[in-house]
Amino acid sequence: MAIREQETGKVRASLRLSRLRALARSRDGSAAIEFALLAIPYFIIIFAILETFIAFAAEQLVSSAVDTMSRQMRTGQITFDSTRTTYKTQTQFRQAFCDEISIIIRCSATEAATPGKLYLDVQSFTNFASIPTTIPRVSADKYSDLKTSDFKFTPGGPGSINMVRAYYRWSITVDLVRPYVTGLRPVGSSMPSEYLIVATAAFQNEQYP
């Protein structure tokens, strides 16, 4: 009787050991656990890729709008002469620019009249060498805010040399890409938070009638 009980105990111990080994080898639920651990960094990377793509797409859109508006100025389709039917005020010019970028970038109701994110600098020069080549900033800090006090809207007439520059403050929300693409620290902000989109065109107007 004692021998039988001893054998029964050995069988039970063997069964328990087999179950423990099977439990150790079990992969049930591992995919869910691994997904839970990797989901946050995975989605952060996905959002960073999407935001970077959209920001660069917006940059190309602003650049295309500068080329379009510059071409219309160069050929006399847009002029700063109130005696012509092609005359546009600064507000009208800004509104036309906003229409060009409306696929991705939406200007607010007051953006055309009062710049908040979109800044346009349109000037006429006596020669190409006089056209500025650097981004105007408030200070020498590489993240310093834009110096907009010198921005003008003074396009020239037929045969004049002109420059059209557009600046747009693109807000970055994903912290993963912010240190690599932001280049603008707004006044009152302690860290760079906006990607500065810049597009420039320099040209000489045609001798349109």
N, C-alpha and C. Protein backbone atom coordinates (compact mmCIF):
# COMPACT_ATOMS: atom_id res chain seq x y z
N MET A 1 0.83 -1.20 0.00
CA MET A 1 0.00 0.00 0.00
C MET A 1 0.87 1.26 0.00
N ALA A 2 1.90 1.23 0.79
CA ALA A 2 2.81 2.38 0.88
C ALA A 2 3.53 2.58 -0.44
N ILE A 3 3.87 1.46 -1.11
CA ILE A 3 4.58 1.55 -2.39
C ILE A 3 3.67 2.19 -3.43
N ARG A 4 2.38 1.80 -3.43
CA ARG A 4 1.43 2.35 -4.39
C ARG A 4 1.25 3.85 -4.19
N GLU A 5 1.14 4.28 -2.91
CA GLU A 5 0.99 5.71 -2.62
C GLU A 5 2.24 6.48 -3.06
N GLN A 6 3.38 5.81 -2.88
CA GLN A 6 4.63 6.47 -3.28
C GLN A 6 4.68 6.65 -4.80
N GLU A 7 4.22 5.63 -5.52
CA GLU A 7 4.19 5.72 -6.98
C GLU A 7 3.18 6.77 -7.45
N THR A 8 2.03 6.84 -6.74
CA THR A 8 1.03 7.85 -7.08
C THR A 8 1.57 9.26 -6.88
N GLY A 9 2.31 9.45 -5.81
CA GLY A 9 2.92 10.75 -5.53
C GLY A 9 3.92 11.14 -6.60
N LYS A 10 4.69 10.14 -7.08
CA LYS A 10 5.67 10.41 -8.13
C LYS A 10 4.97 10.81 -9.43
N VAL A 11 3.85 10.16 -9.72
CA VAL A 11 3.08 10.49 -10.93
C VAL A 11 2.54 11.91 -10.85
N ARG A 12 2.01 12.26 -9.67
CA ARG A 12 1.47 13.61 -9.50
C ARG A 12 2.57 14.67 -9.63
N ALA A 13 3.70 14.38 -9.04
CA ALA A 13 4.82 15.33 -9.14
C ALA A 13 5.28 15.48 -10.58
N SER A 14 5.27 14.33 -11.30
CA SER A 14 5.67 14.38 -12.71
C SER A 14 4.69 15.19 -13.54
N LEU A 15 3.38 15.04 -13.21
CA LEU A 15 2.36 15.80 -13.92
C LEU A 15 2.50 17.30 -13.66
N ARG A 16 2.75 17.62 -12.37
CA ARG A 16 2.91 19.04 -12.03
C ARG A 16 4.12 19.63 -12.75
N LEU A 17 5.21 18.85 -12.81
CA LEU A 17 6.41 19.33 -13.50
C LEU A 17 6.16 19.51 -15.00
N SER A 18 5.41 18.59 -15.58
CA SER A 18 5.08 18.69 -17.01
C SER A 18 4.24 19.93 -17.29
N ARG A 19 3.27 20.20 -16.37
CA ARG A 19 2.43 21.37 -16.55
C ARG A 19 3.24 22.68 -16.44
N LEU A 20 4.18 22.70 -15.49
CA LEU A 20 5.03 23.89 -15.33
C LEU A 20 5.89 24.10 -16.57
N ARG A 21 6.41 23.02 -17.13
CA ARG A 21 7.22 23.13 -18.34
C ARG A 21 6.37 23.60 -19.52
N ALA A 22 5.14 23.10 -19.62
CA ALA A 22 4.24 23.51 -20.70
C ALA A 22 3.88 24.99 -20.57
N LEU A 23 3.69 25.42 -19.30
CA LEU A 23 3.37 26.82 -19.05
C LEU A 23 4.54 27.72 -19.45
N ALA A 24 5.75 27.26 -19.17
CA ALA A 24 6.94 28.04 -19.52
C ALA A 24 7.11 28.16 -21.03
N ARG A 25 6.70 27.11 -21.75
CA ARG A 25 6.83 27.12 -23.20
C ARG A 25 5.65 27.80 -23.90
N SER A 26 4.59 28.08 -23.18
CA SER A 26 3.38 28.64 -23.80
C SER A 26 3.64 30.06 -24.30
N ARG A 27 3.12 30.35 -25.51
CA ARG A 27 3.25 31.67 -26.13
C ARG A 27 1.90 32.39 -26.21
N ASP A 28 0.88 31.85 -25.57
CA ASP A 28 -0.44 32.45 -25.60
C ASP A 28 -0.40 33.85 -24.97
N GLY A 29 -0.89 34.86 -25.74
CA GLY A 29 -0.95 36.23 -25.23
C GLY A 29 0.33 37.02 -25.40
N SER A 30 1.37 36.38 -25.90
CA SER A 30 2.65 37.10 -26.03
C SER A 30 2.56 38.23 -27.06
N ALA A 31 1.78 38.01 -28.12
CA ALA A 31 1.64 39.05 -29.15
C ALA A 31 0.99 40.31 -28.57
N ALA A 32 -0.02 40.09 -27.72
CA ALA A 32 -0.70 41.23 -27.10
C ALA A 32 0.23 41.99 -26.17
N ILE A 33 1.03 41.26 -25.43
CA ILE A 33 1.97 41.90 -24.51
C ILE A 33 3.03 42.68 -25.28
N GLU A 34 3.57 42.05 -26.34
CA GLU A 34 4.59 42.73 -27.14
C GLU A 34 4.00 43.98 -27.82
N PHE A 35 2.77 43.90 -28.30
CA PHE A 35 2.13 45.06 -28.92
C PHE A 35 1.95 46.19 -27.91
N ALA A 36 1.55 45.82 -26.68
CA ALA A 36 1.35 46.84 -25.65
C ALA A 36 2.65 47.56 -25.33
N LEU A 37 3.76 46.80 -25.36
CA LEU A 37 5.07 47.40 -25.06
C LEU A 37 5.56 48.28 -26.21
N LEU A 38 5.26 47.90 -27.44
CA LEU A 38 5.79 48.61 -28.61
C LEU A 38 4.82 49.61 -29.24
N ALA A 39 3.57 49.61 -28.82
CA ALA A 39 2.56 50.46 -29.47
C ALA A 39 2.89 51.94 -29.38
N ILE A 40 3.27 52.41 -28.19
CA ILE A 40 3.52 53.85 -28.01
C ILE A 40 4.67 54.33 -28.88
N PRO A 41 5.88 53.72 -28.80
CA PRO A 41 6.96 54.20 -29.69
C PRO A 41 6.65 54.00 -31.17
N TYR A 42 5.90 52.94 -31.48
CA TYR A 42 5.55 52.69 -32.88
C TYR A 42 4.69 53.82 -33.43
N PHE A 43 3.64 54.21 -32.69
CA PHE A 43 2.75 55.25 -33.17
C PHE A 43 3.43 56.62 -33.16
N ILE A 44 4.35 56.84 -32.21
CA ILE A 44 5.10 58.10 -32.20
C ILE A 44 5.93 58.22 -33.48
N ILE A 45 6.58 57.13 -33.87
CA ILE A 45 7.38 57.14 -35.10
C ILE A 45 6.49 57.36 -36.32
N ILE A 46 5.33 56.71 -36.36
CA ILE A 46 4.41 56.88 -37.49
C ILE A 46 3.95 58.33 -37.58
N PHE A 47 3.55 58.92 -36.43
CA PHE A 47 3.11 60.31 -36.44
C PHE A 47 4.24 61.24 -36.84
N ALA A 48 5.47 60.94 -36.41
CA ALA A 48 6.61 61.78 -36.77
C ALA A 48 6.86 61.74 -38.27
N ILE A 49 6.75 60.55 -38.86
CA ILE A 49 6.93 60.42 -40.31
C ILE A 49 5.85 61.21 -41.06
N LEU A 50 4.61 61.07 -40.61
CA LEU A 50 3.52 61.79 -41.27
C LEU A 50 3.67 63.30 -41.14
N GLU A 51 4.04 63.76 -39.94
CA GLU A 51 4.18 65.20 -39.74
C GLU A 51 5.33 65.76 -40.57
N THR A 52 6.44 65.03 -40.64
CA THR A 52 7.58 65.48 -41.44
C THR A 52 7.19 65.55 -42.91
N PHE A 53 6.47 64.54 -43.38
CA PHE A 53 6.04 64.52 -44.78
C PHE A 53 5.12 65.70 -45.09
N ILE A 54 4.16 65.97 -44.20
CA ILE A 54 3.21 67.06 -44.44
C ILE A 54 3.92 68.40 -44.40
N ALA A 55 4.88 68.56 -43.47
CA ALA A 55 5.61 69.83 -43.38
C ALA A 55 6.41 70.09 -44.65
N PHE A 56 7.07 69.06 -45.17
CA PHE A 56 7.84 69.24 -46.40
C PHE A 56 6.93 69.45 -47.61
N ALA A 57 5.76 68.81 -47.59
CA ALA A 57 4.79 69.04 -48.66
C ALA A 57 4.29 70.49 -48.63
N ALA A 58 4.06 71.01 -47.42
CA ALA A 58 3.65 72.41 -47.28
C ALA A 58 4.74 73.35 -47.77
N GLU A 59 6.00 72.99 -47.52
CA GLU A 59 7.12 73.81 -47.99
C GLU A 59 7.14 73.88 -49.51
N GLN A 60 6.90 72.76 -50.17
CA GLN A 60 6.85 72.76 -51.63
C GLN A 60 5.67 73.57 -52.14
N LEU A 61 4.56 73.53 -51.41
CA LEU A 61 3.37 74.29 -51.81
C LEU A 61 3.63 75.79 -51.72
N VAL A 62 4.28 76.23 -50.64
CA VAL A 62 4.61 77.65 -50.48
C VAL A 62 5.58 78.09 -51.57
N SER A 63 6.56 77.24 -51.87
CA SER A 63 7.53 77.56 -52.93
C SER A 63 6.84 77.69 -54.28
N SER A 64 5.87 76.80 -54.55
CA SER A 64 5.13 76.86 -55.80
C SER A 64 4.28 78.13 -55.87
N ALA A 65 3.70 78.53 -54.73
CA ALA A 65 2.89 79.75 -54.70
C ALA A 65 3.75 80.98 -54.98
N VAL A 66 4.97 81.00 -54.43
CA VAL A 66 5.89 82.12 -54.69
C VAL A 66 6.21 82.19 -56.18
N ASP A 67 6.47 81.04 -56.80
CA ASP A 67 6.76 81.02 -58.24
C ASP A 67 5.56 81.51 -59.05
N THR A 68 4.37 81.09 -58.65
CA THR A 68 3.16 81.49 -59.39
C THR A 68 2.91 82.99 -59.29
N MET A 69 2.98 83.53 -58.08
CA MET A 69 2.74 84.95 -57.88
C MET A 69 3.84 85.79 -58.55
N SER A 70 5.07 85.30 -58.50
CA SER A 70 6.18 86.02 -59.13
C SER A 70 6.02 86.06 -60.65
N ARG A 71 5.56 84.95 -61.21
CA ARG A 71 5.35 84.90 -62.66
C ARG A 71 4.26 85.89 -63.07
N GLN A 72 3.21 86.00 -62.28
CA GLN A 72 2.14 86.94 -62.60
C GLN A 72 2.61 88.39 -62.46
N MET A 73 3.50 88.64 -61.51
CA MET A 73 4.08 89.99 -61.40
C MET A 73 5.01 90.28 -62.56
N ARG A 74 5.80 89.30 -62.92
CA ARG A 74 6.79 89.48 -63.99
C ARG A 74 6.13 89.78 -65.33
N THR A 75 4.99 89.18 -65.58
CA THR A 75 4.31 89.34 -66.87
C THR A 75 3.25 90.45 -66.86
N GLY A 76 3.09 91.13 -65.71
CA GLY A 76 2.14 92.23 -65.65
C GLY A 76 0.72 91.82 -65.34
N GLN A 77 0.48 90.56 -64.96
CA GLN A 77 -0.86 90.13 -64.59
C GLN A 77 -1.23 90.66 -63.20
N ILE A 78 -0.21 90.95 -62.40
CA ILE A 78 -0.39 91.61 -61.11
C ILE A 78 0.51 92.84 -61.10
N THR A 79 -0.06 93.99 -60.81
CA THR A 79 0.72 95.22 -60.76
C THR A 79 0.37 96.01 -59.51
N PHE A 80 1.25 96.95 -59.18
CA PHE A 80 1.01 97.83 -58.03
C PHE A 80 0.80 99.25 -58.54
N ASP A 81 -0.09 99.35 -59.51
CA ASP A 81 -0.40 100.64 -60.17
C ASP A 81 -1.91 100.79 -60.21
N SER A 82 -2.42 101.74 -59.45
CA SER A 82 -3.87 101.89 -59.30
C SER A 82 -4.56 102.30 -60.59
N THR A 83 -3.79 102.69 -61.60
CA THR A 83 -4.41 103.09 -62.88
C THR A 83 -4.66 101.89 -63.78
N ARG A 84 -4.19 100.72 -63.38
CA ARG A 84 -4.34 99.51 -64.19
C ARG A 84 -5.42 98.61 -63.61
N THR A 85 -6.02 97.81 -64.48
CA THR A 85 -7.04 96.85 -64.02
C THR A 85 -6.40 95.67 -63.30
N THR A 86 -5.08 95.50 -63.46
CA THR A 86 -4.37 94.40 -62.81
C THR A 86 -3.85 94.79 -61.43
N TYR A 87 -4.23 95.96 -60.97
CA TYR A 87 -3.74 96.48 -59.69
C TYR A 87 -4.25 95.63 -58.52
N LYS A 88 -3.33 95.31 -57.60
CA LYS A 88 -3.70 94.60 -56.38
C LYS A 88 -3.06 95.30 -55.19
N THR A 89 -3.85 95.49 -54.15
CA THR A 89 -3.32 96.02 -52.91
C THR A 89 -2.57 94.92 -52.18
N GLN A 90 -1.92 95.29 -51.09
CA GLN A 90 -1.18 94.29 -50.32
C GLN A 90 -2.12 93.21 -49.78
N THR A 91 -3.28 93.61 -49.31
CA THR A 91 -4.26 92.64 -48.78
C THR A 91 -4.75 91.72 -49.88
N GLN A 92 -5.02 92.26 -51.05
CA GLN A 92 -5.47 91.44 -52.17
C GLN A 92 -4.37 90.48 -52.63
N PHE A 93 -3.15 90.94 -52.60
CA PHE A 93 -2.03 90.08 -52.98
C PHE A 93 -1.88 88.94 -51.98
N ARG A 94 -2.00 89.25 -50.70
CA ARG A 94 -1.91 88.21 -49.66
C ARG A 94 -3.06 87.21 -49.80
N GLN A 95 -4.25 87.71 -50.12
CA GLN A 95 -5.39 86.81 -50.28
C GLN A 95 -5.17 85.88 -51.47
N ALA A 96 -4.62 86.43 -52.55
CA ALA A 96 -4.33 85.59 -53.72
C ALA A 96 -3.29 84.53 -53.38
N PHE A 97 -2.31 84.91 -52.57
CA PHE A 97 -1.30 83.94 -52.14
C PHE A 97 -1.94 82.86 -51.26
N CYS A 98 -2.81 83.27 -50.36
CA CYS A 98 -3.51 82.30 -49.50
C CYS A 98 -4.32 81.31 -50.33
N ASP A 99 -4.92 81.80 -51.40
CA ASP A 99 -5.69 80.91 -52.28
C ASP A 99 -4.80 79.87 -52.93
N GLU A 100 -3.56 80.25 -53.22
CA GLU A 100 -2.62 79.32 -53.86
C GLU A 100 -2.20 78.19 -52.93
N ILE A 101 -2.17 78.43 -51.63
CA ILE A 101 -1.69 77.42 -50.68
C ILE A 101 -2.83 76.76 -49.90
N SER A 102 -4.05 77.01 -50.30
CA SER A 102 -5.20 76.55 -49.52
C SER A 102 -5.39 75.04 -49.53
N ILE A 103 -4.65 74.32 -50.38
CA ILE A 103 -4.79 72.87 -50.43
C ILE A 103 -4.39 72.25 -49.09
N ILE A 104 -3.32 72.78 -48.50
CA ILE A 104 -2.84 72.26 -47.21
C ILE A 104 -2.93 73.31 -46.12
N ILE A 105 -2.57 74.55 -46.46
CA ILE A 105 -2.50 75.62 -45.47
C ILE A 105 -3.72 76.51 -45.61
N ARG A 106 -4.46 76.62 -44.53
CA ARG A 106 -5.66 77.47 -44.52
C ARG A 106 -5.36 78.77 -43.79
N CYS A 107 -5.51 79.88 -44.48
CA CYS A 107 -5.36 81.18 -43.84
C CYS A 107 -6.64 81.49 -43.07
N SER A 108 -6.48 82.09 -41.91
CA SER A 108 -7.64 82.47 -41.12
C SER A 108 -8.36 83.64 -41.79
N ALA A 109 -9.49 84.01 -41.25
CA ALA A 109 -10.29 85.09 -41.83
C ALA A 109 -9.54 86.42 -41.81
N THR A 110 -8.68 86.61 -40.82
CA THR A 110 -7.95 87.87 -40.69
C THR A 110 -6.50 87.78 -41.19
N GLU A 111 -6.08 86.60 -41.63
CA GLU A 111 -4.68 86.41 -42.02
C GLU A 111 -4.29 87.27 -43.22
N ALA A 112 -5.18 87.46 -44.14
CA ALA A 112 -4.87 88.25 -45.33
C ALA A 112 -4.58 89.71 -44.97
N ALA A 113 -5.28 90.22 -43.97
CA ALA A 113 -5.10 91.62 -43.58
C ALA A 113 -4.01 91.78 -42.52
N THR A 114 -3.94 90.84 -41.58
CA THR A 114 -2.99 90.94 -40.47
C THR A 114 -2.19 89.64 -40.37
N PRO A 115 -0.91 89.68 -40.75
CA PRO A 115 -0.09 88.45 -40.71
C PRO A 115 0.02 87.86 -39.31
N GLY A 116 -0.23 86.58 -39.21
CA GLY A 116 -0.04 85.87 -37.95
C GLY A 116 0.92 84.71 -38.12
N LYS A 117 0.78 84.00 -39.24
CA LYS A 117 1.67 82.89 -39.56
C LYS A 117 2.36 83.09 -40.91
N LEU A 118 1.63 83.68 -41.85
CA LEU A 118 2.17 83.91 -43.19
C LEU A 118 2.67 85.33 -43.34
N TYR A 119 3.95 85.46 -43.70
CA TYR A 119 4.55 86.78 -43.91
C TYR A 119 5.09 86.85 -45.34
N LEU A 120 4.75 87.94 -46.02
CA LEU A 120 5.20 88.15 -47.39
C LEU A 120 6.02 89.43 -47.47
N ASP A 121 7.17 89.34 -48.10
CA ASP A 121 8.05 90.49 -48.28
C ASP A 121 8.25 90.68 -49.78
N VAL A 122 7.66 91.75 -50.33
CA VAL A 122 7.73 92.02 -51.78
C VAL A 122 8.37 93.39 -51.97
N GLN A 123 9.54 93.41 -52.58
CA GLN A 123 10.26 94.67 -52.75
C GLN A 123 10.88 94.76 -54.13
N SER A 124 11.19 96.00 -54.50
CA SER A 124 11.86 96.27 -55.77
C SER A 124 13.26 96.80 -55.48
N PHE A 125 14.24 96.41 -56.31
CA PHE A 125 15.64 96.80 -56.10
C PHE A 125 16.22 97.35 -57.41
N THR A 126 17.29 98.09 -57.25
CA THR A 126 17.95 98.67 -58.44
C THR A 126 18.82 97.65 -59.16
N ASN A 127 19.28 96.61 -58.43
CA ASN A 127 20.09 95.56 -59.05
C ASN A 127 19.95 94.27 -58.23
N PHE A 128 20.33 93.15 -58.81
CA PHE A 128 20.19 91.86 -58.14
C PHE A 128 21.11 91.73 -56.94
N ALA A 129 22.26 92.41 -56.97
CA ALA A 129 23.22 92.32 -55.87
C ALA A 129 22.67 92.90 -54.57
N SER A 130 21.69 93.76 -54.67
CA SER A 130 21.12 94.40 -53.48
C SER A 130 20.07 93.53 -52.78
N ILE A 131 19.67 92.45 -53.41
CA ILE A 131 18.64 91.59 -52.83
C ILE A 131 19.22 90.82 -51.64
N PRO A 132 18.57 90.86 -50.47
CA PRO A 132 19.09 90.16 -49.28
C PRO A 132 19.08 88.65 -49.47
N THR A 133 20.06 88.00 -48.87
CA THR A 133 20.19 86.54 -49.02
C THR A 133 20.05 85.79 -47.69
N THR A 134 19.83 86.50 -46.61
CA THR A 134 19.71 85.86 -45.30
C THR A 134 18.31 86.08 -44.73
N ILE A 135 17.95 85.23 -43.78
CA ILE A 135 16.65 85.36 -43.11
C ILE A 135 16.76 86.44 -42.04
N PRO A 136 15.94 87.46 -42.09
CA PRO A 136 16.01 88.51 -41.06
C PRO A 136 15.51 88.00 -39.71
N ARG A 137 16.36 88.16 -38.69
CA ARG A 137 15.99 87.69 -37.35
C ARG A 137 16.17 88.81 -36.33
N VAL A 138 15.48 88.67 -35.21
CA VAL A 138 15.51 89.68 -34.16
C VAL A 138 16.89 89.76 -33.53
N SER A 139 17.58 88.59 -33.40
CA SER A 139 18.91 88.56 -32.82
C SER A 139 19.77 87.56 -33.56
N ALA A 140 21.01 87.39 -33.10
CA ALA A 140 21.94 86.47 -33.75
C ALA A 140 21.68 85.01 -33.39
N ASP A 141 20.82 84.76 -32.43
CA ASP A 141 20.48 83.40 -32.04
C ASP A 141 19.87 82.66 -33.23
N LYS A 142 20.35 81.44 -33.47
CA LYS A 142 19.87 80.70 -34.64
C LYS A 142 18.39 80.35 -34.56
N TYR A 143 17.81 80.36 -33.36
CA TYR A 143 16.38 80.09 -33.20
C TYR A 143 15.58 81.38 -32.99
N SER A 144 16.23 82.52 -33.18
CA SER A 144 15.57 83.80 -32.93
C SER A 144 14.36 83.99 -33.85
N ASP A 145 13.42 84.76 -33.36
CA ASP A 145 12.18 85.01 -34.11
C ASP A 145 12.46 85.88 -35.33
N LEU A 146 11.52 85.87 -36.26
CA LEU A 146 11.63 86.68 -37.46
C LEU A 146 11.58 88.17 -37.13
N LYS A 147 12.37 88.95 -37.84
CA LYS A 147 12.29 90.40 -37.75
C LYS A 147 11.46 90.87 -38.94
N THR A 148 10.21 91.19 -38.66
CA THR A 148 9.26 91.51 -39.73
C THR A 148 9.10 93.02 -39.96
N SER A 149 9.79 93.83 -39.17
CA SER A 149 9.60 95.28 -39.28
C SER A 149 10.07 95.83 -40.62
N ASP A 150 11.00 95.14 -41.27
CA ASP A 150 11.53 95.62 -42.55
C ASP A 150 10.78 95.05 -43.76
N PHE A 151 9.77 94.22 -43.53
CA PHE A 151 9.03 93.65 -44.64
C PHE A 151 8.18 94.74 -45.31
N LYS A 152 8.12 94.68 -46.63
CA LYS A 152 7.41 95.71 -47.38
C LYS A 152 6.55 95.08 -48.47
N PHE A 153 5.74 95.91 -49.08
CA PHE A 153 5.02 95.53 -50.29
C PHE A 153 5.17 96.67 -51.27
N THR A 154 6.30 96.67 -51.97
CA THR A 154 6.62 97.74 -52.91
C THR A 154 7.12 97.16 -54.24
N PRO A 155 6.28 96.38 -54.93
CA PRO A 155 6.71 95.82 -56.22
C PRO A 155 6.89 96.92 -57.26
N GLY A 156 7.82 96.70 -58.18
CA GLY A 156 8.07 97.69 -59.22
C GLY A 156 7.23 97.46 -60.46
N GLY A 157 7.42 98.34 -61.43
CA GLY A 157 6.67 98.26 -62.67
C GLY A 157 7.43 97.53 -63.76
N PRO A 158 7.16 97.82 -65.01
CA PRO A 158 7.81 97.14 -66.14
C PRO A 158 9.33 97.29 -66.09
N GLY A 159 10.04 96.19 -66.28
CA GLY A 159 11.48 96.20 -66.32
C GLY A 159 12.17 96.28 -64.98
N SER A 160 11.43 96.36 -63.89
CA SER A 160 12.04 96.49 -62.57
C SER A 160 12.51 95.14 -62.03
N ILE A 161 13.46 95.20 -61.11
CA ILE A 161 13.98 93.99 -60.45
C ILE A 161 13.23 93.82 -59.13
N ASN A 162 12.67 92.65 -58.94
CA ASN A 162 11.83 92.42 -57.77
C ASN A 162 12.22 91.16 -57.02
N MET A 163 11.79 91.12 -55.76
CA MET A 163 11.98 89.95 -54.91
C MET A 163 10.66 89.65 -54.21
N VAL A 164 10.30 88.37 -54.19
CA VAL A 164 9.14 87.92 -53.43
C VAL A 164 9.62 86.85 -52.46
N ARG A 165 9.45 87.12 -51.18
CA ARG A 165 9.82 86.14 -50.16
C ARG A 165 8.60 85.82 -49.31
N ALA A 166 8.42 84.54 -49.03
CA ALA A 166 7.32 84.08 -48.19
C ALA A 166 7.87 83.32 -46.99
N TYR A 167 7.33 83.61 -45.82
CA TYR A 167 7.68 82.92 -44.59
C TYR A 167 6.40 82.39 -43.97
N TYR A 168 6.44 81.13 -43.56
CA TYR A 168 5.26 80.57 -42.91
C TYR A 168 5.69 79.81 -41.66
N ARG A 169 5.02 80.08 -40.55
CA ARG A 169 5.29 79.40 -39.28
C ARG A 169 4.49 78.10 -39.22
N TRP A 170 5.17 76.99 -39.42
CA TRP A 170 4.49 75.69 -39.37
C TRP A 170 4.71 75.08 -37.99
N SER A 171 3.63 74.89 -37.26
CA SER A 171 3.73 74.37 -35.90
C SER A 171 4.02 72.87 -35.90
N ILE A 172 4.97 72.45 -35.05
CA ILE A 172 5.35 71.05 -34.91
C ILE A 172 4.75 70.52 -33.61
N THR A 173 4.07 69.38 -33.67
CA THR A 173 3.41 68.83 -32.49
C THR A 173 4.12 67.59 -31.95
N VAL A 174 4.80 66.83 -32.78
CA VAL A 174 5.47 65.61 -32.32
C VAL A 174 6.87 65.95 -31.82
N ASP A 175 7.11 65.75 -30.53
CA ASP A 175 8.39 66.10 -29.92
C ASP A 175 9.56 65.33 -30.52
N LEU A 176 9.29 64.17 -31.08
CA LEU A 176 10.37 63.35 -31.63
C LEU A 176 11.10 64.06 -32.76
N VAL A 177 10.38 64.82 -33.58
CA VAL A 177 11.01 65.49 -34.72
C VAL A 177 11.29 66.96 -34.46
N ARG A 178 10.76 67.51 -33.38
CA ARG A 178 10.91 68.93 -33.11
C ARG A 178 12.37 69.38 -33.04
N PRO A 179 13.26 68.66 -32.34
CA PRO A 179 14.65 69.13 -32.27
C PRO A 179 15.36 69.14 -33.61
N TYR A 180 14.86 68.40 -34.59
CA TYR A 180 15.56 68.26 -35.86
C TYR A 180 15.04 69.19 -36.96
N VAL A 181 13.80 69.63 -36.86
CA VAL A 181 13.23 70.43 -37.95
C VAL A 181 12.84 71.84 -37.54
N THR A 182 12.65 72.09 -36.24
CA THR A 182 12.24 73.44 -35.85
C THR A 182 13.42 74.39 -35.94
N GLY A 183 13.13 75.61 -36.34
CA GLY A 183 14.18 76.61 -36.45
C GLY A 183 13.71 77.98 -36.02
N LEU A 184 12.64 78.03 -35.25
CA LEU A 184 12.05 79.31 -34.88
C LEU A 184 11.51 79.24 -33.46
N ARG A 185 11.93 80.18 -32.64
CA ARG A 185 11.41 80.27 -31.28
C ARG A 185 10.57 81.54 -31.19
N PRO A 186 9.25 81.42 -31.14
CA PRO A 186 8.39 82.60 -31.06
C PRO A 186 8.68 83.41 -29.80
N VAL A 187 8.38 84.69 -29.87
CA VAL A 187 8.58 85.56 -28.72
C VAL A 187 7.77 85.04 -27.54
N GLY A 188 8.43 84.91 -26.38
CA GLY A 188 7.76 84.41 -25.19
C GLY A 188 7.84 82.91 -25.01
N SER A 189 8.40 82.19 -25.99
CA SER A 189 8.52 80.73 -25.90
C SER A 189 9.94 80.37 -25.46
N SER A 190 10.05 79.31 -24.64
CA SER A 190 11.35 78.91 -24.11
C SER A 190 12.05 77.87 -24.98
N MET A 191 11.35 77.34 -25.97
CA MET A 191 11.95 76.32 -26.81
C MET A 191 11.44 76.46 -28.24
N PRO A 192 12.26 76.02 -29.23
CA PRO A 192 11.80 76.05 -30.62
C PRO A 192 10.57 75.18 -30.80
N SER A 193 9.57 75.69 -31.47
CA SER A 193 8.33 74.92 -31.62
C SER A 193 7.75 75.01 -33.02
N GLU A 194 8.37 75.81 -33.90
CA GLU A 194 7.82 76.01 -35.23
C GLU A 194 8.87 75.79 -36.30
N TYR A 195 8.44 75.17 -37.38
CA TYR A 195 9.29 74.97 -38.54
C TYR A 195 9.08 76.15 -39.48
N LEU A 196 10.13 76.88 -39.76
CA LEU A 196 10.01 78.07 -40.59
C LEU A 196 10.15 77.69 -42.06
N ILE A 197 9.05 77.81 -42.78
CA ILE A 197 9.05 77.57 -44.22
C ILE A 197 9.45 78.87 -44.92
N VAL A 198 10.45 78.78 -45.79
CA VAL A 198 10.95 79.96 -46.49
C VAL A 198 11.01 79.67 -47.99
N ALA A 199 10.51 80.59 -48.78
CA ALA A 199 10.59 80.48 -50.24
C ALA A 199 10.87 81.86 -50.82
N THR A 200 11.76 81.92 -51.80
CA THR A 200 12.19 83.20 -52.37
C THR A 200 12.25 83.12 -53.89
N ALA A 201 11.91 84.21 -54.53
CA ALA A 201 12.06 84.33 -55.99
C ALA A 201 12.56 85.73 -56.29
N ALA A 202 13.57 85.81 -57.14
CA ALA A 202 14.11 87.10 -57.61
C ALA A 202 14.03 87.12 -59.14
N PHE A 203 13.55 88.22 -59.67
CA PHE A 203 13.28 88.26 -61.11
C PHE A 203 13.22 89.70 -61.59
N GLN A 204 13.28 89.85 -62.91
CA GLN A 204 13.11 91.16 -63.53
C GLN A 204 11.84 91.15 -64.35
N ASN A 205 11.00 92.12 -64.10
CA ASN A 205 9.73 92.20 -64.82
C ASN A 205 9.95 92.38 -66.32
N GLU A 206 9.03 91.84 -67.08
CA GLU A 206 9.05 92.07 -68.52
C GLU A 206 8.64 93.51 -68.82
N GLN A 207 8.97 93.97 -69.99
CA GLN A 207 8.57 95.31 -70.40
C GLN A 207 7.14 95.28 -70.94
N TYR A 208 6.23 94.91 -70.04
CA TYR A 208 4.83 94.83 -70.45
C TYR A 208 4.27 96.23 -70.65
N PRO A 209 3.26 96.37 -71.52
CA PRO A 209 2.69 97.71 -71.82
C PRO A 209 1.92 98.28 -70.63
